[in-house]
Amino acid sequence: MCEHCGKCCIEMGSKIFATANDINRWINENRQDILKHVFIYSFNGKIVGGEVWFDEYGNKLEFCPFIVKAGDKVFCKIHETKPEQCKEYNCKL
């Protein structure tokens, strides 16, 4: 059960990747706020995945730019559409 400690977002944030499903979902949802932090890989014109999270200058971020701290809890600003890898992550505290 998530305790909203933020360890996963901070420790795993720079190691997360985006699947083709993630990227296509964000395109369909018009989530430019997310896509501007993604380096998209394609092959023969088809999206195959991508690297996340980058700043506006193309520098790799150390942690997810969508975490928000509220008191002693941490929340995801893109929870409803976060990467599949984040959804599948099993936090071992």
PDB file of N, CA and C in Angstrom:
ATOM      1  N   MET A   1       0.837  -1.180   0.000  1.00  0.00           N
ATOM      2  CA  MET A   1       0.000   0.000   0.000  1.00  0.00           C
ATOM      3  C   MET A   1       0.884   1.246   0.000  1.00  0.00           C
ATOM      4  N   CYS A   2       0.523   2.176  -0.834  1.00  0.00           N
ATOM      5  CA  CYS A   2       1.304   3.401  -0.965  1.00  0.00           C
ATOM      6  C   CYS A   2       1.161   4.274   0.282  1.00  0.00           C
ATOM      7  N   GLU A   3       2.296   4.706   0.797  1.00  0.00           N
ATOM      8  CA  GLU A   3       2.299   5.609   1.954  1.00  0.00           C
ATOM      9  C   GLU A   3       2.599   7.042   1.538  1.00  0.00           C
ATOM     10  N   HIS A   4       2.695   7.286   0.244  1.00  0.00           N
ATOM     11  CA  HIS A   4       2.962   8.622  -0.308  1.00  0.00           C
ATOM     12  C   HIS A   4       4.240   9.228   0.247  1.00  0.00           C
ATOM     13  N   CYS A   5       5.271   8.365   0.369  1.00  0.00           N
ATOM     14  CA  CYS A   5       6.554   8.856   0.884  1.00  0.00           C
ATOM     15  C   CYS A   5       7.394   9.512  -0.212  1.00  0.00           C
ATOM     16  N   GLY A   6       7.138   9.145  -1.478  1.00  0.00           N
ATOM     17  CA  GLY A   6       7.864   9.730  -2.596  1.00  0.00           C
ATOM     18  C   GLY A   6       9.158   9.038  -2.962  1.00  0.00           C
ATOM     19  N   LYS A   7       9.548   8.004  -2.217  1.00  0.00           N
ATOM     20  CA  LYS A   7      10.810   7.328  -2.503  1.00  0.00           C
ATOM     21  C   LYS A   7      10.857   6.795  -3.927  1.00  0.00           C
ATOM     22  N   CYS A   8       9.764   6.217  -4.387  1.00  0.00           N
ATOM     23  CA  CYS A   8       9.768   5.652  -5.743  1.00  0.00           C
ATOM     24  C   CYS A   8       9.964   6.745  -6.789  1.00  0.00           C
ATOM     25  N   CYS A   9       9.295   7.862  -6.628  1.00  0.00           N
ATOM     26  CA  CYS A   9       9.391   8.957  -7.599  1.00  0.00           C
ATOM     27  C   CYS A   9      10.761   9.615  -7.584  1.00  0.00           C
ATOM     28  N   ILE A  10      11.353   9.682  -6.425  1.00  0.00           N
ATOM     29  CA  ILE A  10      12.652  10.335  -6.302  1.00  0.00           C
ATOM     30  C   ILE A  10      13.773   9.376  -6.682  1.00  0.00           C
ATOM     31  N   GLU A  11      13.735   8.154  -6.143  1.00  0.00           N
ATOM     32  CA  GLU A  11      14.811   7.198  -6.410  1.00  0.00           C
ATOM     33  C   GLU A  11      14.733   6.587  -7.811  1.00  0.00           C
ATOM     34  N   MET A  12      13.539   6.353  -8.312  1.00  0.00           N
ATOM     35  CA  MET A  12      13.378   5.720  -9.612  1.00  0.00           C
ATOM     36  C   MET A  12      13.124   6.720 -10.734  1.00  0.00           C
ATOM     37  N   GLY A  13      12.889   7.964 -10.394  1.00  0.00           N
ATOM     38  CA  GLY A  13      12.503   8.973 -11.375  1.00  0.00           C
ATOM     39  C   GLY A  13      13.392   9.088 -12.589  1.00  0.00           C
ATOM     40  N   SER A  14      14.699   8.968 -12.415  1.00  0.00           N
ATOM     41  CA  SER A  14      15.609   9.104 -13.557  1.00  0.00           C
ATOM     42  C   SER A  14      15.806   7.790 -14.301  1.00  0.00           C
ATOM     43  N   LYS A  15      15.247   6.702 -13.779  1.00  0.00           N
ATOM     44  CA  LYS A  15      15.409   5.387 -14.399  1.00  0.00           C
ATOM     45  C   LYS A  15      14.138   4.925 -15.109  1.00  0.00           C
ATOM     46  N   ILE A  16      13.123   5.745 -15.111  1.00  0.00           N
ATOM     47  CA  ILE A  16      11.838   5.399 -15.711  1.00  0.00           C
ATOM     48  C   ILE A  16      11.915   5.548 -17.230  1.00  0.00           C
ATOM     49  N   PHE A  17      11.233   4.680 -17.920  1.00  0.00           N
ATOM     50  CA  PHE A  17      11.103   4.798 -19.370  1.00  0.00           C
ATOM     51  C   PHE A  17       9.617   4.847 -19.710  1.00  0.00           C
ATOM     52  N   ALA A  18       9.325   5.290 -20.890  1.00  0.00           N
ATOM     53  CA  ALA A  18       7.940   5.347 -21.369  1.00  0.00           C
ATOM     54  C   ALA A  18       7.758   4.299 -22.457  1.00  0.00           C
ATOM     55  N   THR A  19       6.672   3.575 -22.380  1.00  0.00           N
ATOM     56  CA  THR A  19       6.361   2.602 -23.430  1.00  0.00           C
ATOM     57  C   THR A  19       5.701   3.323 -24.596  1.00  0.00           C
ATOM     58  N   ALA A  20       5.591   2.614 -25.713  1.00  0.00           N
ATOM     59  CA  ALA A  20       4.867   3.167 -26.864  1.00  0.00           C
ATOM     60  C   ALA A  20       3.420   3.459 -26.461  1.00  0.00           C
ATOM     61  N   ASN A  21       2.831   2.595 -25.640  1.00  0.00           N
ATOM     62  CA  ASN A  21       1.451   2.825 -25.165  1.00  0.00           C
ATOM     63  C   ASN A  21       1.354   4.117 -24.367  1.00  0.00           C
ATOM     64  N   ASP A  22       2.336   4.356 -23.490  1.00  0.00           N
ATOM     65  CA  ASP A  22       2.351   5.599 -22.704  1.00  0.00           C
ATOM     66  C   ASP A  22       2.365   6.807 -23.632  1.00  0.00           C
ATOM     67  N   ILE A  23       3.301   6.805 -24.556  1.00  0.00           N
ATOM     68  CA  ILE A  23       3.484   7.963 -25.435  1.00  0.00           C
ATOM     69  C   ILE A  23       2.264   8.184 -26.315  1.00  0.00           C
ATOM     70  N   ASN A  24       1.737   7.118 -26.894  1.00  0.00           N
ATOM     71  CA  ASN A  24       0.535   7.264 -27.726  1.00  0.00           C
ATOM     72  C   ASN A  24      -0.655   7.750 -26.909  1.00  0.00           C
ATOM     73  N   ARG A  25      -0.771   7.297 -25.662  1.00  0.00           N
ATOM     74  CA  ARG A  25      -1.848   7.773 -24.779  1.00  0.00           C
ATOM     75  C   ARG A  25      -1.692   9.273 -24.530  1.00  0.00           C
ATOM     76  N   TRP A  26      -0.468   9.715 -24.242  1.00  0.00           N
ATOM     77  CA  TRP A  26      -0.240  11.130 -23.976  1.00  0.00           C
ATOM     78  C   TRP A  26      -0.500  11.974 -25.215  1.00  0.00           C
ATOM     79  N   ILE A  27      -0.170  11.451 -26.376  1.00  0.00           N
ATOM     80  CA  ILE A  27      -0.470  12.167 -27.624  1.00  0.00           C
ATOM     81  C   ILE A  27      -1.981  12.284 -27.789  1.00  0.00           C
ATOM     82  N   ASN A  28      -2.694  11.178 -27.604  1.00  0.00           N
ATOM     83  CA  ASN A  28      -4.161  11.185 -27.734  1.00  0.00           C
ATOM     84  C   ASN A  28      -4.834  12.076 -26.703  1.00  0.00           C
ATOM     85  N   GLU A  29      -4.245  12.182 -25.525  1.00  0.00           N
ATOM     86  CA  GLU A  29      -4.783  13.037 -24.462  1.00  0.00           C
ATOM     87  C   GLU A  29      -4.307  14.487 -24.592  1.00  0.00           C
ATOM     88  N   ASN A  30      -3.474  14.742 -25.603  1.00  0.00           N
ATOM     89  CA  ASN A  30      -2.893  16.069 -25.817  1.00  0.00           C
ATOM     90  C   ASN A  30      -2.141  16.563 -24.572  1.00  0.00           C
ATOM     91  N   ARG A  31      -1.355  15.682 -23.987  1.00  0.00           N
ATOM     92  CA  ARG A  31      -0.622  16.004 -22.762  1.00  0.00           C
ATOM     93  C   ARG A  31       0.758  16.554 -23.089  1.00  0.00           C
ATOM     94  N   GLN A  32       0.778  17.756 -23.669  1.00  0.00           N
ATOM     95  CA  GLN A  32       2.034  18.418 -24.003  1.00  0.00           C
ATOM     96  C   GLN A  32       2.864  18.693 -22.748  1.00  0.00           C
ATOM     97  N   ASP A  33       2.193  18.832 -21.599  1.00  0.00           N
ATOM     98  CA  ASP A  33       2.903  19.052 -20.345  1.00  0.00           C
ATOM     99  C   ASP A  33       3.797  17.857 -19.995  1.00  0.00           C
ATOM    100  N   ILE A  34       3.382  16.665 -20.415  1.00  0.00           N
ATOM    101  CA  ILE A  34       4.185  15.458 -20.200  1.00  0.00           C
ATOM    102  C   ILE A  34       5.168  15.263 -21.350  1.00  0.00           C
ATOM    103  N   LEU A  35       4.668  15.359 -22.556  1.00  0.00           N
ATOM    104  CA  LEU A  35       5.480  15.077 -23.743  1.00  0.00           C
ATOM    105  C   LEU A  35       6.713  15.970 -23.860  1.00  0.00           C
ATOM    106  N   LYS A  36       6.645  17.182 -23.326  1.00  0.00           N
ATOM    107  CA  LYS A  36       7.812  18.061 -23.412  1.00  0.00           C
ATOM    108  C   LYS A  36       8.980  17.557 -22.557  1.00  0.00           C
ATOM    109  N   HIS A  37       8.722  16.575 -21.700  1.00  0.00           N
ATOM    110  CA  HIS A  37       9.765  15.990 -20.854  1.00  0.00           C
ATOM    111  C   HIS A  37      10.216  14.618 -21.359  1.00  0.00           C
ATOM    112  N   VAL A  38       9.782  14.236 -22.570  1.00  0.00           N
ATOM    113  CA  VAL A  38      10.036  12.892 -23.098  1.00  0.00           C
ATOM    114  C   VAL A  38      10.864  12.952 -24.379  1.00  0.00           C
ATOM    115  N   PHE A  39      11.853  12.070 -24.459  1.00  0.00           N
ATOM    116  CA  PHE A  39      12.590  11.880 -25.702  1.00  0.00           C
ATOM    117  C   PHE A  39      12.009  10.632 -26.357  1.00  0.00           C
ATOM    118  N   ILE A  40      11.346  10.798 -27.483  1.00  0.00           N
ATOM    119  CA  ILE A  40      10.613   9.713 -28.127  1.00  0.00           C
ATOM    120  C   ILE A  40      11.491   8.984 -29.137  1.00  0.00           C
ATOM    121  N   TYR A  41      11.473   7.650 -29.043  1.00  0.00           N
ATOM    122  CA  TYR A  41      12.167   6.802 -30.011  1.00  0.00           C
ATOM    123  C   TYR A  41      11.156   6.255 -31.006  1.00  0.00           C
ATOM    124  N   SER A  42      11.540   6.283 -32.285  1.00  0.00           N
ATOM    125  CA  SER A  42      10.670   5.702 -33.309  1.00  0.00           C
ATOM    126  C   SER A  42      11.520   4.859 -34.257  1.00  0.00           C
ATOM    127  N   PHE A  43      10.844   3.934 -34.905  1.00  0.00           N
ATOM    128  CA  PHE A  43      11.491   3.074 -35.878  1.00  0.00           C
ATOM    129  C   PHE A  43      10.543   2.917 -37.048  1.00  0.00           C
ATOM    130  N   ASN A  44      11.010   3.268 -38.240  1.00  0.00           N
ATOM    131  CA  ASN A  44      10.162   3.229 -39.442  1.00  0.00           C
ATOM    132  C   ASN A  44       8.860   4.008 -39.253  1.00  0.00           C
ATOM    133  N   GLY A  45       8.965   5.157 -38.591  1.00  0.00           N
ATOM    134  CA  GLY A  45       7.813   6.021 -38.405  1.00  0.00           C
ATOM    135  C   GLY A  45       6.860   5.605 -37.303  1.00  0.00           C
ATOM    136  N   LYS A  46       7.184   4.546 -36.571  1.00  0.00           N
ATOM    137  CA  LYS A  46       6.317   4.054 -35.495  1.00  0.00           C
ATOM    138  C   LYS A  46       6.988   4.305 -34.149  1.00  0.00           C
ATOM    139  N   ILE A  47       6.243   4.838 -33.202  1.00  0.00           N
ATOM    140  CA  ILE A  47       6.771   5.079 -31.865  1.00  0.00           C
ATOM    141  C   ILE A  47       7.025   3.739 -31.189  1.00  0.00           C
ATOM    142  N   VAL A  48       8.235   3.584 -30.654  1.00  0.00           N
ATOM    143  CA  VAL A  48       8.579   2.326 -29.990  1.00  0.00           C
ATOM    144  C   VAL A  48       8.840   2.494 -28.487  1.00  0.00           C
ATOM    145  N   GLY A  49       8.901   3.728 -28.015  1.00  0.00           N
ATOM    146  CA  GLY A  49       9.132   3.994 -26.602  1.00  0.00           C
ATOM    147  C   GLY A  49       9.822   5.325 -26.433  1.00  0.00           C
ATOM    148  N   GLY A  50      10.279   5.562 -25.217  1.00  0.00           N
ATOM    149  CA  GLY A  50      10.969   6.819 -24.983  1.00  0.00           C
ATOM    150  C   GLY A  50      11.634   6.895 -23.638  1.00  0.00           C
ATOM    151  N   GLU A  51      12.518   7.863 -23.530  1.00  0.00           N
ATOM    152  CA  GLU A  51      13.177   8.160 -22.258  1.00  0.00           C
ATOM    153  C   GLU A  51      12.475   9.338 -21.619  1.00  0.00           C
ATOM    154  N   VAL A  52      12.372   9.290 -20.310  1.00  0.00           N
ATOM    155  CA  VAL A  52      11.797  10.381 -19.543  1.00  0.00           C
ATOM    156  C   VAL A  52      12.768  10.696 -18.416  1.00  0.00           C
ATOM    157  N   TRP A  53      12.809  11.632 -17.857  1.00  0.00           N
ATOM    158  CA  TRP A  53      12.305  12.977 -17.775  1.00  0.00           C
ATOM    159  C   TRP A  53      13.427  13.929 -18.084  1.00  0.00           C
ATOM    160  N   PHE A  54      13.172  14.865 -18.988  1.00  0.00           N
ATOM    161  CA  PHE A  54      14.157  15.860 -19.408  1.00  0.00           C
ATOM    162  C   PHE A  54      13.613  17.258 -19.159  1.00  0.00           C
ATOM    163  N   ASP A  55      14.526  18.218 -18.945  1.00  0.00           N
ATOM    164  CA  ASP A  55      14.083  19.602 -18.811  1.00  0.00           C
ATOM    165  C   ASP A  55      13.959  20.226 -20.198  1.00  0.00           C
ATOM    166  N   GLU A  56      13.610  21.492 -20.244  1.00  0.00           N
ATOM    167  CA  GLU A  56      13.378  22.163 -21.530  1.00  0.00           C
ATOM    168  C   GLU A  56      14.646  22.324 -22.372  1.00  0.00           C
ATOM    169  N   TYR A  57      15.819  22.084 -21.758  1.00  0.00           N
ATOM    170  CA  TYR A  57      17.089  22.192 -22.478  1.00  0.00           C
ATOM    171  C   TYR A  57      17.623  20.825 -22.923  1.00  0.00           C
ATOM    172  N   GLY A  58      16.883  19.763 -22.634  1.00  0.00           N
ATOM    173  CA  GLY A  58      17.296  18.420 -23.012  1.00  0.00           C
ATOM    174  C   GLY A  58      18.173  17.722 -21.991  1.00  0.00           C
ATOM    175  N   ASN A  59      18.291  18.316 -20.814  1.00  0.00           N
ATOM    176  CA  ASN A  59      19.092  17.701 -19.750  1.00  0.00           C
ATOM    177  C   ASN A  59      18.244  16.695 -18.981  1.00  0.00           C
ATOM    178  N   LYS A  60      18.817  15.526 -18.699  1.00  0.00           N
ATOM    179  CA  LYS A  60      18.124  14.487 -17.950  1.00  0.00           C
ATOM    180  C   LYS A  60      17.900  14.957 -16.517  1.00  0.00           C
ATOM    181  N   LEU A  61      16.657  14.842 -16.048  1.00  0.00           N
ATOM    182  CA  LEU A  61      16.326  15.213 -14.679  1.00  0.00           C
ATOM    183  C   LEU A  61      16.650  14.062 -13.734  1.00  0.00           C
ATOM    184  N   GLU A  62      16.958  14.392 -12.494  1.00  0.00           N
ATOM    185  CA  GLU A  62      17.291  13.361 -11.510  1.00  0.00           C
ATOM    186  C   GLU A  62      16.064  12.685 -10.935  1.00  0.00           C
ATOM    187  N   PHE A  63      14.921  13.367 -10.976  1.00  0.00           N
ATOM    188  CA  PHE A  63      13.690  12.756 -10.481  1.00  0.00           C
ATOM    189  C   PHE A  63      12.501  13.285 -11.264  1.00  0.00           C
ATOM    190  N   CYS A  64      11.386  12.665 -11.070  1.00  0.00           N
ATOM    191  CA  CYS A  64      10.181  12.990 -11.828  1.00  0.00           C
ATOM    192  C   CYS A  64       9.739  14.436 -11.585  1.00  0.00           C
ATOM    193  N   PRO A  65       9.445  15.172 -12.649  1.00  0.00           N
ATOM    194  CA  PRO A  65       9.017  16.565 -12.492  1.00  0.00           C
ATOM    195  C   PRO A  65       7.551  16.699 -12.066  1.00  0.00           C
ATOM    196  N   PHE A  66       6.857  15.584 -11.920  1.00  0.00           N
ATOM    197  CA  PHE A  66       5.427  15.635 -11.615  1.00  0.00           C
ATOM    198  C   PHE A  66       5.093  15.240 -10.183  1.00  0.00           C
ATOM    199  N   ILE A  67       6.091  15.240  -9.317  1.00  0.00           N
ATOM    200  CA  ILE A  67       5.795  14.958  -7.913  1.00  0.00           C
ATOM    201  C   ILE A  67       5.537  16.273  -7.179  1.00  0.00           C
ATOM    202  N   VAL A  68       4.581  16.195  -6.280  1.00  0.00           N
ATOM    203  CA  VAL A  68       4.189  17.364  -5.501  1.00  0.00           C
ATOM    204  C   VAL A  68       4.200  16.973  -4.032  1.00  0.00           C
ATOM    205  N   LYS A  69       4.845  17.787  -3.220  1.00  0.00           N
ATOM    206  CA  LYS A  69       4.885  17.530  -1.782  1.00  0.00           C
ATOM    207  C   LYS A  69       3.775  18.330  -1.112  1.00  0.00           C
ATOM    208  N   ALA A  70       3.029  17.631  -0.276  1.00  0.00           N
ATOM    209  CA  ALA A  70       1.960  18.269   0.503  1.00  0.00           C
ATOM    210  C   ALA A  70       2.124  17.820   1.948  1.00  0.00           C
ATOM    211  N   GLY A  71       2.724  18.679   2.750  1.00  0.00           N
ATOM    212  CA  GLY A  71       3.030  18.294   4.125  1.00  0.00           C
ATOM    213  C   GLY A  71       4.115  17.235   4.103  1.00  0.00           C
ATOM    214  N   ASP A  72       3.848  16.108   4.744  1.00  0.00           N
ATOM    215  CA  ASP A  72       4.835  15.020   4.744  1.00  0.00           C
ATOM    216  C   ASP A  72       4.507  13.944   3.711  1.00  0.00           C
ATOM    217  N   LYS A  73       3.578  14.223   2.826  1.00  0.00           N
ATOM    218  CA  LYS A  73       3.165  13.284   1.782  1.00  0.00           C
ATOM    219  C   LYS A  73       3.606  13.781   0.408  1.00  0.00           C
ATOM    220  N   VAL A  74       3.774  12.841  -0.514  1.00  0.00           N
ATOM    221  CA  VAL A  74       4.146  13.157  -1.887  1.00  0.00           C
ATOM    222  C   VAL A  74       3.087  12.572  -2.810  1.00  0.00           C
ATOM    223  N   PHE A  75       2.665  13.358  -3.790  1.00  0.00           N
ATOM    224  CA  PHE A  75       1.624  12.939  -4.716  1.00  0.00           C
ATOM    225  C   PHE A  75       2.087  13.126  -6.153  1.00  0.00           C
ATOM    226  N   CYS A  76       1.460  12.356  -7.048  1.00  0.00           N
ATOM    227  CA  CYS A  76       1.775  12.411  -8.462  1.00  0.00           C
ATOM    228  C   CYS A  76       0.764  13.300  -9.181  1.00  0.00           C
ATOM    229  N   LYS A  77       1.260  14.323  -9.879  1.00  0.00           N
ATOM    230  CA  LYS A  77       0.368  15.235 -10.621  1.00  0.00           C
ATOM    231  C   LYS A  77      -0.214  14.584 -11.867  1.00  0.00           C
ATOM    232  N   ILE A  78       0.368  13.484 -12.320  1.00  0.00           N
ATOM    233  CA  ILE A  78      -0.140  12.815 -13.523  1.00  0.00           C
ATOM    234  C   ILE A  78      -0.604  11.389 -13.200  1.00  0.00           C
ATOM    235  N   HIS A  79      -1.042  11.181 -11.989  1.00  0.00           N
ATOM    236  CA  HIS A  79      -1.419   9.846 -11.512  1.00  0.00           C
ATOM    237  C   HIS A  79      -2.353   9.116 -12.481  1.00  0.00           C
ATOM    238  N   GLU A  80      -3.329   9.812 -13.021  1.00  0.00           N
ATOM    239  CA  GLU A  80      -4.328   9.180 -13.893  1.00  0.00           C
ATOM    240  C   GLU A  80      -3.740   8.695 -15.209  1.00  0.00           C
ATOM    241  N   THR A  81      -2.563   9.183 -15.579  1.00  0.00           N
ATOM    242  CA  THR A  81      -1.958   8.793 -16.854  1.00  0.00           C
ATOM    243  C   THR A  81      -0.448   8.574 -16.740  1.00  0.00           C
ATOM    244  N   LYS A  82       0.006   8.261 -15.542  1.00  0.00           N
ATOM    245  CA  LYS A  82       1.451   8.073 -15.336  1.00  0.00           C
ATOM    246  C   LYS A  82       1.965   6.885 -16.136  1.00  0.00           C
ATOM    247  N   PRO A  83       3.289   6.826 -16.359  1.00  0.00           N
ATOM    248  CA  PRO A  83       3.867   5.742 -17.149  1.00  0.00           C
ATOM    249  C   PRO A  83       3.516   4.363 -16.585  1.00  0.00           C
ATOM    250  N   GLU A  84       3.412   3.398 -17.495  1.00  0.00           N
ATOM    251  CA  GLU A  84       3.106   2.026 -17.090  1.00  0.00           C
ATOM    252  C   GLU A  84       4.107   1.513 -16.062  1.00  0.00           C
ATOM    253  N   GLN A  85       5.366   1.871 -16.225  1.00  0.00           N
ATOM    254  CA  GLN A  85       6.400   1.423 -15.293  1.00  0.00           C
ATOM    255  C   GLN A  85       6.110   1.941 -13.879  1.00  0.00           C
ATOM    256  N   CYS A  86       5.595   3.139 -13.761  1.00  0.00           N
ATOM    257  CA  CYS A  86       5.239   3.685 -12.451  1.00  0.00           C
ATOM    258  C   CYS A  86       4.049   2.922 -11.860  1.00  0.00           C
ATOM    259  N   LYS A  87       3.070   2.638 -12.702  1.00  0.00           N
ATOM    260  CA  LYS A  87       1.882   1.905 -12.241  1.00  0.00           C
ATOM    261  C   LYS A  87       2.259   0.526 -11.718  1.00  0.00           C
ATOM    262  N   GLU A  88       3.242  -0.107 -12.350  1.00  0.00           N
ATOM    263  CA  GLU A  88       3.628  -1.465 -11.995  1.00  0.00           C
ATOM    264  C   GLU A  88       4.653  -1.530 -10.868  1.00  0.00           C
ATOM    265  N   TYR A  89       5.216  -0.397 -10.496  1.00  0.00           N
ATOM    266  CA  TYR A  89       6.266  -0.375  -9.474  1.00  0.00           C
ATOM    267  C   TYR A  89       5.709  -0.838  -8.135  1.00  0.00           C
ATOM    268  N   ASN A  90       6.442  -1.721  -7.490  1.00  0.00           N
ATOM    269  CA  ASN A  90       6.044  -2.234  -6.185  1.00  0.00           C
ATOM    270  C   ASN A  90       7.055  -1.743  -5.162  1.00  0.00           C
ATOM    271  N   CYS A  91       6.643  -0.785  -4.383  1.00  0.00           N
ATOM    272  CA  CYS A  91       7.537  -0.163  -3.407  1.00  0.00           C
ATOM    273  C   CYS A  91       7.806  -1.121  -2.245  1.00  0.00           C
ATOM    274  N   LYS A  92       9.065  -1.346  -2.003  1.00  0.00           N
ATOM    275  CA  LYS A  92       9.478  -2.176  -0.863  1.00  0.00           C
ATOM    276  C   LYS A  92      10.114  -1.245   0.166  1.00  0.00           C
ATOM    277  N   LEU A  93       9.331  -0.837   1.129  1.00  0.00           N
ATOM    278  CA  LEU A  93       9.831   0.100   2.143  1.00  0.00           C
ATOM    279  C   LEU A  93      10.728  -0.593   3.149  1.00  0.00           C
TER     280      LEU A  93
END
